Amino acid sequence: MRFFIFIFLLCFSFFTFAQKWHQIDPNTFIISPPKNAIQLQTNLAILTGKNCAAVINAHGDFTAIELTIKQIKNRIKVPVCYLISTSSDIHEVLGIALMQRAFPAASWIAPSHVKHNLSNYQHAYNDKISQYLNSYEVSTQRVENFDLEGKALWKNKMRQANQRIQDWKNIPLRAPIEVKKQLQLGNHLIDIETYSAFSKEDLFVFSHLNNGMFAGTSIDPIPYVTHSKLNQWLQTLSIMENTSQIKWLLPSHGKPYKRAALNKPITFLRTVMKHSIRQNNELPEELLKRYPKKELQPKLTLLYQIAVQHNPKNNNKTLSVQMPNTPPPQL
């Protein structure tokens, strides 16, 4: 069944996974995924100036990235001069390959880990295409067992899917440039700072025009923790919390929020560092107070359990946890 789900998404993401554009001001756009795609897509942002635009982040849903590219070309009237990846997460990096092909004049800015391990990311891209091809071949074989009407319908879908896969094959990732401290888009100045947070090296992008901070997964309201360097992450968030110039922040997952709401991920990390795994899997009281919405508690519980496993206090404890479909960042 998963093969047909894959083919369906590959053919119809343009419609079922329609992305939402939000215009914050004349020079700032946020592209958010619909609820049925939040595990496949992350928030993207576009900052524009009189001269050019910067696209912040990508993700591994190639069909949705193709739609994003088409929309950017239709909506943004200045050329794209920068592509910025705020982390070294594999899924967030692979979509950059399609962005680079669509905007060949744009420079890619990413953490140095990406630049130093570019061949690994290229291999990951090629592996993703190989998985697509394998799914396509298995699905093709299963379609042969359908009745004539179903076979005719699905063969057309399979043809569309194969065209996409062939189009994505052998796209090279061009190396990112050195991280620049400032970028001038034309009456729109942005700063780029390097911190340790979600991974060993993450990029935080600040817009002087609207006082927004764009830092992806590092500032998610409920952090996804895959390492034990929480002191560094906590210190980074504390710096952001005490930077009065920052008015609002855009995470990878969830809505933009005001600087005061950084107390949520800060409380989460402090709680993880303080507590060990509880035998009954109950959440500590401080987390329940900070995240009072009941609909958040399943996700909160899962990410808390994952986080405490990486706490050095819990090295000798074991817990069976279903991991999200995201590889850990390199540290």
C-alpha atoms as a PDB file:
ATOM      1  CA  MET A   1       0.000   0.000   0.000  1.00  0.00           C
ATOM      2  CA  ARG A   2       2.813   2.430   0.811  1.00  0.00           C
ATOM      3  CA  PHE A   3       3.954   2.306  -2.815  1.00  0.00           C
ATOM      4  CA  PHE A   4       0.569   3.537  -4.037  1.00  0.00           C
ATOM      5  CA  ILE A   5       0.510   6.224  -1.376  1.00  0.00           C
ATOM      6  CA  PHE A   6       3.887   7.384  -2.656  1.00  0.00           C
ATOM      7  CA  ILE A   7       2.717   7.484  -6.265  1.00  0.00           C
ATOM      8  CA  PHE A   8      -0.471   9.316  -5.259  1.00  0.00           C
ATOM      9  CA  LEU A   9       1.513  12.008  -3.441  1.00  0.00           C
ATOM     10  CA  LEU A  10       3.924  12.285  -6.323  1.00  0.00           C
ATOM     11  CA  CYS A  11       1.095  12.880  -8.769  1.00  0.00           C
ATOM     12  CA  PHE A  12      -1.305  14.985  -6.739  1.00  0.00           C
ATOM     13  CA  SER A  13       0.630  17.007  -4.154  1.00  0.00           C
ATOM     14  CA  PHE A  14      -0.138  20.110  -6.196  1.00  0.00           C
ATOM     15  CA  PHE A  15      -3.760  19.833  -5.128  1.00  0.00           C
ATOM     16  CA  THR A  16      -4.021  17.875  -1.868  1.00  0.00           C
ATOM     17  CA  PHE A  17      -0.926  19.532  -0.364  1.00  0.00           C
ATOM     18  CA  ALA A  18      -1.660  23.075  -1.524  1.00  0.00           C
ATOM     19  CA  GLN A  19       0.699  25.390   0.316  1.00  0.00           C
ATOM     20  CA  LYS A  20      -0.409  28.574   2.034  1.00  0.00           C
ATOM     21  CA  TRP A  21       1.225  31.926   1.307  1.00  0.00           C
ATOM     22  CA  HIS A  22       1.162  34.582   4.022  1.00  0.00           C
ATOM     23  CA  GLN A  23       2.362  38.120   3.330  1.00  0.00           C
ATOM     24  CA  ILE A  24       3.756  39.657   6.509  1.00  0.00           C
ATOM     25  CA  ASP A  25       4.675  42.962   4.857  1.00  0.00           C
ATOM     26  CA  PRO A  26       5.528  44.103   1.298  1.00  0.00           C
ATOM     27  CA  ASN A  27       8.939  42.399   1.565  1.00  0.00           C
ATOM     28  CA  THR A  28       8.258  39.258   3.617  1.00  0.00           C
ATOM     29  CA  PHE A  29       6.400  36.105   2.622  1.00  0.00           C
ATOM     30  CA  ILE A  30       5.916  32.879   4.568  1.00  0.00           C
ATOM     31  CA  ILE A  31       4.977  29.608   2.854  1.00  0.00           C
ATOM     32  CA  SER A  32       3.443  27.132   5.292  1.00  0.00           C
ATOM     33  CA  PRO A  33       2.301  23.551   4.697  1.00  0.00           C
ATOM     34  CA  PRO A  34      -1.320  22.466   5.122  1.00  0.00           C
ATOM     35  CA  LYS A  35      -2.147  20.314   8.141  1.00  0.00           C
ATOM     36  CA  ASN A  36      -2.088  17.095   6.120  1.00  0.00           C
ATOM     37  CA  ALA A  37       1.540  17.697   5.113  1.00  0.00           C
ATOM     38  CA  ILE A  38       3.202  19.017   8.264  1.00  0.00           C
ATOM     39  CA  GLN A  39       5.356  15.881   8.558  1.00  0.00           C
ATOM     40  CA  LEU A  40       6.598  16.233   4.972  1.00  0.00           C
ATOM     41  CA  GLN A  41       7.060  19.978   4.666  1.00  0.00           C
ATOM     42  CA  THR A  42       8.472  22.816   6.758  1.00  0.00           C
ATOM     43  CA  ASN A  43       7.891  26.551   6.721  1.00  0.00           C
ATOM     44  CA  LEU A  44       9.743  28.499   4.038  1.00  0.00           C
ATOM     45  CA  ALA A  45      10.284  32.240   3.898  1.00  0.00           C
ATOM     46  CA  ILE A  46      11.065  34.722   1.149  1.00  0.00           C
ATOM     47  CA  LEU A  47      12.649  38.102   1.887  1.00  0.00           C
ATOM     48  CA  THR A  48      12.694  40.617  -0.944  1.00  0.00           C
ATOM     49  CA  GLY A  49      14.372  43.934  -1.649  1.00  0.00           C
ATOM     50  CA  LYS A  50      14.563  46.310  -4.584  1.00  0.00           C
ATOM     51  CA  ASN A  51      17.372  44.283  -6.164  1.00  0.00           C
ATOM     52  CA  CYS A  52      16.689  40.638  -5.389  1.00  0.00           C
ATOM     53  CA  ALA A  53      15.210  38.055  -3.029  1.00  0.00           C
ATOM     54  CA  ALA A  54      16.424  35.437  -0.554  1.00  0.00           C
ATOM     55  CA  VAL A  55      14.620  32.111  -0.100  1.00  0.00           C
ATOM     56  CA  ILE A  56      15.057  30.658   3.382  1.00  0.00           C
ATOM     57  CA  ASN A  57      14.946  26.862   3.713  1.00  0.00           C
ATOM     58  CA  ALA A  58      13.559  24.018   1.642  1.00  0.00           C
ATOM     59  CA  HIS A  59      12.356  20.490   2.452  1.00  0.00           C
ATOM     60  CA  GLY A  60      12.283  16.980   1.044  1.00  0.00           C
ATOM     61  CA  ASP A  61       8.818  16.973  -0.541  1.00  0.00           C
ATOM     62  CA  PHE A  62       9.986  17.479  -4.117  1.00  0.00           C
ATOM     63  CA  THR A  63       6.509  17.819  -5.616  1.00  0.00           C
ATOM     64  CA  ALA A  64       5.679  20.618  -3.187  1.00  0.00           C
ATOM     65  CA  ILE A  65       9.058  22.255  -3.844  1.00  0.00           C
ATOM     66  CA  GLU A  66       8.237  22.292  -7.566  1.00  0.00           C
ATOM     67  CA  LEU A  67       4.994  24.095  -6.761  1.00  0.00           C
ATOM     68  CA  THR A  68       6.878  26.564  -4.552  1.00  0.00           C
ATOM     69  CA  ILE A  69       9.300  27.314  -7.374  1.00  0.00           C
ATOM     70  CA  LYS A  70       6.444  27.917  -9.787  1.00  0.00           C
ATOM     71  CA  GLN A  71       4.740  30.260  -7.337  1.00  0.00           C
ATOM     72  CA  ILE A  72       7.946  32.169  -6.604  1.00  0.00           C
ATOM     73  CA  LYS A  73       8.459  32.791 -10.296  1.00  0.00           C
ATOM     74  CA  ASN A  74       4.886  34.038 -10.627  1.00  0.00           C
ATOM     75  CA  ARG A  75       4.699  36.133  -7.449  1.00  0.00           C
ATOM     76  CA  ILE A  76       8.191  37.519  -6.825  1.00  0.00           C
ATOM     77  CA  LYS A  77       9.143  40.259  -9.268  1.00  0.00           C
ATOM     78  CA  VAL A  78      12.875  40.443  -8.466  1.00  0.00           C
ATOM     79  CA  PRO A  79      15.451  37.715  -9.162  1.00  0.00           C
ATOM     80  CA  VAL A  80      16.342  35.207  -6.444  1.00  0.00           C
ATOM     81  CA  CYS A  81      19.944  35.887  -5.471  1.00  0.00           C
ATOM     82  CA  TYR A  82      20.302  33.758  -2.309  1.00  0.00           C
ATOM     83  CA  LEU A  83      19.131  30.368  -1.087  1.00  0.00           C
ATOM     84  CA  ILE A  84      19.668  29.947   2.659  1.00  0.00           C
ATOM     85  CA  SER A  85      19.593  26.684   4.645  1.00  0.00           C
ATOM     86  CA  THR A  86      19.351  27.289   8.390  1.00  0.00           C
ATOM     87  CA  SER A  87      20.439  23.759   9.370  1.00  0.00           C
ATOM     88  CA  SER A  88      22.310  20.734   8.044  1.00  0.00           C
ATOM     89  CA  ASP A  89      19.243  18.483   8.235  1.00  0.00           C
ATOM     90  CA  ILE A  90      19.244  16.161   5.220  1.00  0.00           C
ATOM     91  CA  HIS A  91      15.563  16.593   4.364  1.00  0.00           C
ATOM     92  CA  GLU A  92      15.865  20.374   4.448  1.00  0.00           C
ATOM     93  CA  VAL A  93      18.969  20.367   2.269  1.00  0.00           C
ATOM     94  CA  LEU A  94      17.879  18.003  -0.523  1.00  0.00           C
ATOM     95  CA  GLY A  95      15.139  20.297  -1.812  1.00  0.00           C
ATOM     96  CA  ILE A  96      17.829  22.920  -2.459  1.00  0.00           C
ATOM     97  CA  ALA A  97      18.927  20.897  -5.502  1.00  0.00           C
ATOM     98  CA  LEU A  98      15.639  21.711  -7.243  1.00  0.00           C
ATOM     99  CA  MET A  99      15.895  25.346  -6.115  1.00  0.00           C
ATOM    100  CA  GLN A 100      19.411  25.629  -7.539  1.00  0.00           C
ATOM    101  CA  ARG A 101      18.269  24.313 -10.891  1.00  0.00           C
ATOM    102  CA  ALA A 102      15.338  26.737 -10.972  1.00  0.00           C
ATOM    103  CA  PHE A 103      17.437  29.743  -9.901  1.00  0.00           C
ATOM    104  CA  PRO A 104      20.925  29.045 -11.298  1.00  0.00           C
ATOM    105  CA  ALA A 105      22.210  32.567 -10.566  1.00  0.00           C
ATOM    106  CA  ALA A 106      21.415  32.284  -6.841  1.00  0.00           C
ATOM    107  CA  SER A 107      24.164  31.642  -4.294  1.00  0.00           C
ATOM    108  CA  TRP A 108      23.505  28.979  -1.676  1.00  0.00           C
ATOM    109  CA  ILE A 109      24.393  29.757   1.950  1.00  0.00           C
ATOM    110  CA  ALA A 110      24.438  26.827   4.385  1.00  0.00           C
ATOM    111  CA  PRO A 111      26.251  25.680   7.555  1.00  0.00           C
ATOM    112  CA  SER A 112      29.879  24.720   6.955  1.00  0.00           C
ATOM    113  CA  HIS A 113      29.052  21.080   7.756  1.00  0.00           C
ATOM    114  CA  VAL A 114      27.033  20.950   4.543  1.00  0.00           C
ATOM    115  CA  LYS A 115      29.883  22.347   2.482  1.00  0.00           C
ATOM    116  CA  HIS A 116      32.446  19.967   4.007  1.00  0.00           C
ATOM    117  CA  ASN A 117      30.190  16.935   3.507  1.00  0.00           C
ATOM    118  CA  LEU A 118      28.544  17.826   0.212  1.00  0.00           C
ATOM    119  CA  SER A 119      29.239  14.394  -1.304  1.00  0.00           C
ATOM    120  CA  ASN A 120      27.205  12.775   1.505  1.00  0.00           C
ATOM    121  CA  TYR A 121      24.247  15.004   0.692  1.00  0.00           C
ATOM    122  CA  GLN A 122      24.569  14.190  -2.999  1.00  0.00           C
ATOM    123  CA  HIS A 123      24.558  10.482  -2.148  1.00  0.00           C
ATOM    124  CA  ALA A 124      21.446  11.037  -0.012  1.00  0.00           C
ATOM    125  CA  TYR A 125      19.781  12.807  -2.932  1.00  0.00           C
ATOM    126  CA  ASN A 126      20.638   9.936  -5.284  1.00  0.00           C
ATOM    127  CA  ASP A 127      19.372   7.417  -2.707  1.00  0.00           C
ATOM    128  CA  LYS A 128      16.071   9.289  -2.504  1.00  0.00           C
ATOM    129  CA  ILE A 129      15.662   9.070  -6.278  1.00  0.00           C
ATOM    130  CA  SER A 130      16.546   5.365  -6.146  1.00  0.00           C
ATOM    131  CA  GLN A 131      13.806   4.835  -3.560  1.00  0.00           C
ATOM    132  CA  TYR A 132      11.370   6.644  -5.832  1.00  0.00           C
ATOM    133  CA  LEU A 133      12.382   4.408  -8.739  1.00  0.00           C
ATOM    134  CA  ASN A 134      12.005   1.265  -6.623  1.00  0.00           C
ATOM    135  CA  SER A 135       8.552   2.338  -5.467  1.00  0.00           C
ATOM    136  CA  TYR A 136       7.595   3.132  -9.045  1.00  0.00           C
ATOM    137  CA  GLU A 137       8.699  -0.300 -10.306  1.00  0.00           C
ATOM    138  CA  VAL A 138       6.838  -2.158  -7.559  1.00  0.00           C
ATOM    139  CA  SER A 139       3.715  -0.080  -8.134  1.00  0.00           C
ATOM    140  CA  THR A 140       3.915  -0.728 -11.877  1.00  0.00           C
ATOM    141  CA  GLN A 141       3.932  -4.472 -11.257  1.00  0.00           C
ATOM    142  CA  ARG A 142       0.917  -4.228  -8.963  1.00  0.00           C
ATOM    143  CA  VAL A 143      -1.054  -2.146 -11.451  1.00  0.00           C
ATOM    144  CA  GLU A 144      -0.839  -5.060 -13.881  1.00  0.00           C
ATOM    145  CA  ASN A 145      -3.133  -7.024 -11.543  1.00  0.00           C
ATOM    146  CA  PHE A 146      -5.929  -4.414 -11.724  1.00  0.00           C
ATOM    147  CA  ASP A 147      -9.021  -4.749 -13.873  1.00  0.00           C
ATOM    148  CA  LEU A 148      -9.014  -2.966 -17.231  1.00  0.00           C
ATOM    149  CA  GLU A 149     -10.637   0.224 -15.934  1.00  0.00           C
ATOM    150  CA  GLY A 150      -8.350   0.497 -12.903  1.00  0.00           C
ATOM    151  CA  LYS A 151      -5.305  -0.370 -14.987  1.00  0.00           C
ATOM    152  CA  ALA A 152      -6.028   2.383 -17.504  1.00  0.00           C
ATOM    153  CA  LEU A 153      -6.532   4.960 -14.719  1.00  0.00           C
ATOM    154  CA  TRP A 154      -3.394   4.044 -12.803  1.00  0.00           C
ATOM    155  CA  LYS A 155      -1.171   3.707 -15.860  1.00  0.00           C
ATOM    156  CA  ASN A 156      -1.792   7.373 -16.582  1.00  0.00           C
ATOM    157  CA  LYS A 157      -0.878   8.250 -12.984  1.00  0.00           C
ATOM    158  CA  MET A 158       2.214   6.078 -13.198  1.00  0.00           C
ATOM    159  CA  ARG A 159       3.269   7.829 -16.386  1.00  0.00           C
ATOM    160  CA  GLN A 160       3.070  11.202 -14.616  1.00  0.00           C
ATOM    161  CA  ALA A 161       5.049   9.893 -11.655  1.00  0.00           C
ATOM    162  CA  ASN A 162       7.764   8.451 -13.884  1.00  0.00           C
ATOM    163  CA  GLN A 163       8.109  11.739 -15.751  1.00  0.00           C
ATOM    164  CA  ARG A 164       8.734  13.518 -12.452  1.00  0.00           C
ATOM    165  CA  ILE A 165      11.285  10.965 -11.262  1.00  0.00           C
ATOM    166  CA  GLN A 166      13.188  11.125 -14.556  1.00  0.00           C
ATOM    167  CA  ASP A 167      13.188  14.914 -14.331  1.00  0.00           C
ATOM    168  CA  TRP A 168      14.682  14.789 -10.824  1.00  0.00           C
ATOM    169  CA  LYS A 169      17.394  12.249 -11.679  1.00  0.00           C
ATOM    170  CA  ASN A 170      21.035  13.306 -11.608  1.00  0.00           C
ATOM    171  CA  ILE A 171      20.496  16.876 -10.396  1.00  0.00           C
ATOM    172  CA  PRO A 172      23.809  17.957  -8.824  1.00  0.00           C
ATOM    173  CA  LEU A 173      24.082  19.945  -5.614  1.00  0.00           C
ATOM    174  CA  ARG A 174      26.359  22.924  -6.193  1.00  0.00           C
ATOM    175  CA  ALA A 175      28.537  23.767  -3.194  1.00  0.00           C
ATOM    176  CA  PRO A 176      27.352  26.546  -0.884  1.00  0.00           C
ATOM    177  CA  ILE A 177      29.396  29.727  -0.595  1.00  0.00           C
ATOM    178  CA  GLU A 178      31.034  30.947   2.607  1.00  0.00           C
ATOM    179  CA  VAL A 179      28.537  32.243   5.139  1.00  0.00           C
ATOM    180  CA  LYS A 180      28.215  36.022   4.876  1.00  0.00           C
ATOM    181  CA  LYS A 181      27.471  38.103   7.960  1.00  0.00           C
ATOM    182  CA  GLN A 182      25.252  40.525   6.040  1.00  0.00           C
ATOM    183  CA  LEU A 183      23.277  40.473   2.802  1.00  0.00           C
ATOM    184  CA  GLN A 184      21.844  43.552   1.113  1.00  0.00           C
ATOM    185  CA  LEU A 185      18.781  42.796  -0.996  1.00  0.00           C
ATOM    186  CA  GLY A 186      18.196  46.436  -1.897  1.00  0.00           C
ATOM    187  CA  ASN A 187      16.861  48.556   0.983  1.00  0.00           C
ATOM    188  CA  HIS A 188      16.448  45.308   2.907  1.00  0.00           C
ATOM    189  CA  LEU A 189      19.435  44.358   5.056  1.00  0.00           C
ATOM    190  CA  ILE A 190      19.609  40.913   6.651  1.00  0.00           C
ATOM    191  CA  ASP A 191      22.146  39.531   9.132  1.00  0.00           C
ATOM    192  CA  ILE A 192      23.271  35.912   9.344  1.00  0.00           C
ATOM    193  CA  GLU A 193      24.683  34.606  12.619  1.00  0.00           C
ATOM    194  CA  THR A 194      26.035  31.122  13.354  1.00  0.00           C
ATOM    195  CA  TYR A 195      25.050  29.344  16.571  1.00  0.00           C
ATOM    196  CA  SER A 196      24.954  25.821  18.007  1.00  0.00           C
ATOM    197  CA  ALA A 197      21.373  24.739  18.581  1.00  0.00           C
ATOM    198  CA  PHE A 198      19.459  22.034  16.692  1.00  0.00           C
ATOM    199  CA  SER A 199      22.805  20.908  15.277  1.00  0.00           C
ATOM    200  CA  LYS A 200      26.454  21.804  15.800  1.00  0.00           C
ATOM    201  CA  GLU A 201      26.126  24.776  13.483  1.00  0.00           C
ATOM    202  CA  ASP A 202      22.878  26.523  12.612  1.00  0.00           C
ATOM    203  CA  LEU A 203      22.209  29.776  10.804  1.00  0.00           C
ATOM    204  CA  PHE A 204      19.963  32.474  12.288  1.00  0.00           C
ATOM    205  CA  VAL A 205      18.711  35.016   9.735  1.00  0.00           C
ATOM    206  CA  PHE A 206      17.571  38.427  11.005  1.00  0.00           C
ATOM    207  CA  SER A 207      15.661  40.995   8.949  1.00  0.00           C
ATOM    208  CA  HIS A 208      16.355  44.631   9.850  1.00  0.00           C
ATOM    209  CA  LEU A 209      13.233  45.619   7.928  1.00  0.00           C
ATOM    210  CA  ASN A 210      10.705  43.833  10.149  1.00  0.00           C
ATOM    211  CA  ASN A 211      12.787  42.634  13.133  1.00  0.00           C
ATOM    212  CA  GLY A 212      12.006  38.989  12.346  1.00  0.00           C
ATOM    213  CA  MET A 213      14.329  36.079  13.129  1.00  0.00           C
ATOM    214  CA  PHE A 214      14.264  33.091  10.760  1.00  0.00           C
ATOM    215  CA  ALA A 215      16.036  30.095  12.307  1.00  0.00           C
ATOM    216  CA  GLY A 216      14.090  26.993  11.316  1.00  0.00           C
ATOM    217  CA  THR A 217      14.148  23.899  13.512  1.00  0.00           C
ATOM    218  CA  SER A 218      16.374  25.515  16.143  1.00  0.00           C
ATOM    219  CA  ILE A 219      13.459  27.647  17.344  1.00  0.00           C
ATOM    220  CA  ASP A 220      10.578  25.181  17.010  1.00  0.00           C
ATOM    221  CA  PRO A 221       8.138  25.672  19.931  1.00  0.00           C
ATOM    222  CA  ILE A 222       8.621  22.004  20.884  1.00  0.00           C
ATOM    223  CA  PRO A 223      12.268  21.158  20.128  1.00  0.00           C
ATOM    224  CA  TYR A 224      13.215  17.955  18.333  1.00  0.00           C
ATOM    225  CA  VAL A 225      16.336  16.935  20.260  1.00  0.00           C
ATOM    226  CA  THR A 226      18.766  14.427  18.752  1.00  0.00           C
ATOM    227  CA  HIS A 227      21.948  15.226  20.700  1.00  0.00           C
ATOM    228  CA  SER A 228      23.154  15.936  24.234  1.00  0.00           C
ATOM    229  CA  LYS A 229      24.603  19.446  23.715  1.00  0.00           C
ATOM    230  CA  LEU A 230      21.585  21.078  25.287  1.00  0.00           C
ATOM    231  CA  ASN A 231      23.606  23.668  27.198  1.00  0.00           C
ATOM    232  CA  GLN A 232      24.706  25.202  23.890  1.00  0.00           C
ATOM    233  CA  TRP A 233      21.171  25.147  22.491  1.00  0.00           C
ATOM    234  CA  LEU A 234      19.778  26.661  25.673  1.00  0.00           C
ATOM    235  CA  GLN A 235      22.420  29.388  25.635  1.00  0.00           C
ATOM    236  CA  THR A 236      21.544  30.255  22.034  1.00  0.00           C
ATOM    237  CA  LEU A 237      17.830  30.564  22.808  1.00  0.00           C
ATOM    238  CA  SER A 238      18.614  32.649  25.875  1.00  0.00           C
ATOM    239  CA  ILE A 239      20.613  35.046  23.689  1.00  0.00           C
ATOM    240  CA  MET A 240      17.610  35.359  21.375  1.00  0.00           C
ATOM    241  CA  GLU A 241      15.250  35.871  24.319  1.00  0.00           C
ATOM    242  CA  ASN A 242      17.360  38.764  25.583  1.00  0.00           C
ATOM    243  CA  THR A 243      17.855  40.453  22.200  1.00  0.00           C
ATOM    244  CA  SER A 244      15.323  43.267  22.276  1.00  0.00           C
ATOM    245  CA  GLN A 245      15.768  43.990  18.562  1.00  0.00           C
ATOM    246  CA  ILE A 246      14.008  40.696  17.757  1.00  0.00           C
ATOM    247  CA  LYS A 247      10.232  41.171  17.662  1.00  0.00           C
ATOM    248  CA  TRP A 248       9.093  37.819  16.239  1.00  0.00           C
ATOM    249  CA  LEU A 249      10.473  34.465  15.061  1.00  0.00           C
ATOM    250  CA  LEU A 250       9.629  31.916  12.361  1.00  0.00           C
ATOM    251  CA  PRO A 251      10.285  28.232  13.226  1.00  0.00           C
ATOM    252  CA  SER A 252      10.299  25.290  10.823  1.00  0.00           C
ATOM    253  CA  HIS A 253       7.134  23.878  12.361  1.00  0.00           C
ATOM    254  CA  GLY A 254       4.275  25.963  13.641  1.00  0.00           C
ATOM    255  CA  LYS A 255       3.184  29.567  13.363  1.00  0.00           C
ATOM    256  CA  PRO A 256       5.383  32.653  13.800  1.00  0.00           C
ATOM    257  CA  TYR A 257       5.527  33.780  17.409  1.00  0.00           C
ATOM    258  CA  LYS A 258       6.658  36.758  19.480  1.00  0.00           C
ATOM    259  CA  ARG A 259      10.023  36.756  21.232  1.00  0.00           C
ATOM    260  CA  ALA A 260       8.420  36.231  24.652  1.00  0.00           C
ATOM    261  CA  ALA A 261       7.204  32.789  23.498  1.00  0.00           C
ATOM    262  CA  LEU A 262      10.810  31.570  23.405  1.00  0.00           C
ATOM    263  CA  ASN A 263      10.124  30.643  27.017  1.00  0.00           C
ATOM    264  CA  LYS A 264       8.439  27.485  25.665  1.00  0.00           C
ATOM    265  CA  PRO A 265      11.453  25.832  23.989  1.00  0.00           C
ATOM    266  CA  ILE A 266      13.671  27.200  26.773  1.00  0.00           C
ATOM    267  CA  THR A 267      11.472  25.545  29.414  1.00  0.00           C
ATOM    268  CA  PHE A 268      11.422  22.336  27.384  1.00  0.00           C
ATOM    269  CA  LEU A 269      15.228  22.120  27.219  1.00  0.00           C
ATOM    270  CA  ARG A 270      15.672  23.028  30.878  1.00  0.00           C
ATOM    271  CA  THR A 271      13.155  20.374  31.864  1.00  0.00           C
ATOM    272  CA  VAL A 272      14.914  17.720  29.784  1.00  0.00           C
ATOM    273  CA  MET A 273      18.230  18.592  31.452  1.00  0.00           C
ATOM    274  CA  LYS A 274      16.611  18.438  34.888  1.00  0.00           C
ATOM    275  CA  HIS A 275      14.549  15.255  34.697  1.00  0.00           C
ATOM    276  CA  SER A 276      15.254  11.683  33.753  1.00  0.00           C
ATOM    277  CA  ILE A 277      12.861   9.308  32.017  1.00  0.00           C
ATOM    278  CA  ARG A 278       9.784   8.608  34.122  1.00  0.00           C
ATOM    279  CA  GLN A 279       8.620   5.042  34.313  1.00  0.00           C
ATOM    280  CA  ASN A 280       4.979   6.025  33.787  1.00  0.00           C
ATOM    281  CA  ASN A 281       5.859   8.384  30.894  1.00  0.00           C
ATOM    282  CA  GLU A 282       4.026  11.272  32.578  1.00  0.00           C
ATOM    283  CA  LEU A 283       5.130  14.745  31.569  1.00  0.00           C
ATOM    284  CA  PRO A 284       6.704  16.961  34.243  1.00  0.00           C
ATOM    285  CA  GLU A 285       4.363  19.557  35.659  1.00  0.00           C
ATOM    286  CA  GLU A 286       6.400  22.497  34.315  1.00  0.00           C
ATOM    287  CA  LEU A 287       5.850  21.286  30.763  1.00  0.00           C
ATOM    288  CA  LEU A 288       2.126  20.824  31.254  1.00  0.00           C
ATOM    289  CA  LYS A 289       1.910  24.408  32.503  1.00  0.00           C
ATOM    290  CA  ARG A 290       3.957  25.772  29.609  1.00  0.00           C
ATOM    291  CA  TYR A 291       2.063  23.734  26.967  1.00  0.00           C
ATOM    292  CA  PRO A 292      -1.514  23.658  28.323  1.00  0.00           C
ATOM    293  CA  LYS A 293      -3.294  22.729  25.084  1.00  0.00           C
ATOM    294  CA  LYS A 294      -4.342  19.078  25.253  1.00  0.00           C
ATOM    295  CA  GLU A 295      -4.049  18.588  21.497  1.00  0.00           C
ATOM    296  CA  LEU A 296      -0.291  19.265  21.790  1.00  0.00           C
ATOM    297  CA  GLN A 297       0.332  16.663  24.468  1.00  0.00           C
ATOM    298  CA  PRO A 298       0.819  13.573  22.217  1.00  0.00           C
ATOM    299  CA  LYS A 299       3.509  15.401  20.230  1.00  0.00           C
ATOM    300  CA  LEU A 300       4.924  16.928  23.413  1.00  0.00           C
ATOM    301  CA  THR A 301       5.142  13.509  25.071  1.00  0.00           C
ATOM    302  CA  LEU A 302       6.862  11.922  22.082  1.00  0.00           C
ATOM    303  CA  LEU A 303       9.446  14.679  21.662  1.00  0.00           C
ATOM    304  CA  TYR A 304      10.087  14.808  25.409  1.00  0.00           C
ATOM    305  CA  GLN A 305      10.760  11.059  25.488  1.00  0.00           C
ATOM    306  CA  ILE A 306      13.126  11.368  22.528  1.00  0.00           C
ATOM    307  CA  ALA A 307      14.920  14.304  24.147  1.00  0.00           C
ATOM    308  CA  VAL A 308      15.532  12.698  27.533  1.00  0.00           C
ATOM    309  CA  GLN A 309      17.115   9.689  25.849  1.00  0.00           C
ATOM    310  CA  HIS A 310      19.904  12.017  24.684  1.00  0.00           C
ATOM    311  CA  ASN A 311      20.348  13.502  28.149  1.00  0.00           C
ATOM    312  CA  PRO A 312      23.585  12.083  29.660  1.00  0.00           C
ATOM    313  CA  LYS A 313      21.637  11.298  32.861  1.00  0.00           C
ATOM    314  CA  ASN A 314      19.664   8.708  30.897  1.00  0.00           C
ATOM    315  CA  ASN A 315      22.427   6.857  29.074  1.00  0.00           C
ATOM    316  CA  ASN A 316      21.716   3.656  30.998  1.00  0.00           C
ATOM    317  CA  LYS A 317      17.966   3.796  30.504  1.00  0.00           C
ATOM    318  CA  THR A 318      16.058   2.428  27.546  1.00  0.00           C
ATOM    319  CA  LEU A 319      12.713   3.400  26.150  1.00  0.00           C
ATOM    320  CA  SER A 320      10.947   2.309  23.017  1.00  0.00           C
ATOM    321  CA  VAL A 321       9.995   5.427  21.089  1.00  0.00           C
ATOM    322  CA  GLN A 322       8.693   5.775  17.543  1.00  0.00           C
ATOM    323  CA  MET A 323      11.077   8.234  15.958  1.00  0.00           C
ATOM    324  CA  PRO A 324       9.864  10.942  13.560  1.00  0.00           C
ATOM    325  CA  ASN A 325      10.895  10.496   9.939  1.00  0.00           C
ATOM    326  CA  THR A 326      13.839  12.881  10.258  1.00  0.00           C
ATOM    327  CA  PRO A 327      17.509  11.865  10.495  1.00  0.00           C
ATOM    328  CA  PRO A 328      19.559  13.306  13.350  1.00  0.00           C
ATOM    329  CA  PRO A 329      21.735  16.314  12.558  1.00  0.00           C
ATOM    330  CA  GLN A 330      25.492  15.897  12.410  1.00  0.00           C
ATOM    331  CA  LEU A 331      27.383  16.919  15.531  1.00  0.00           C
END
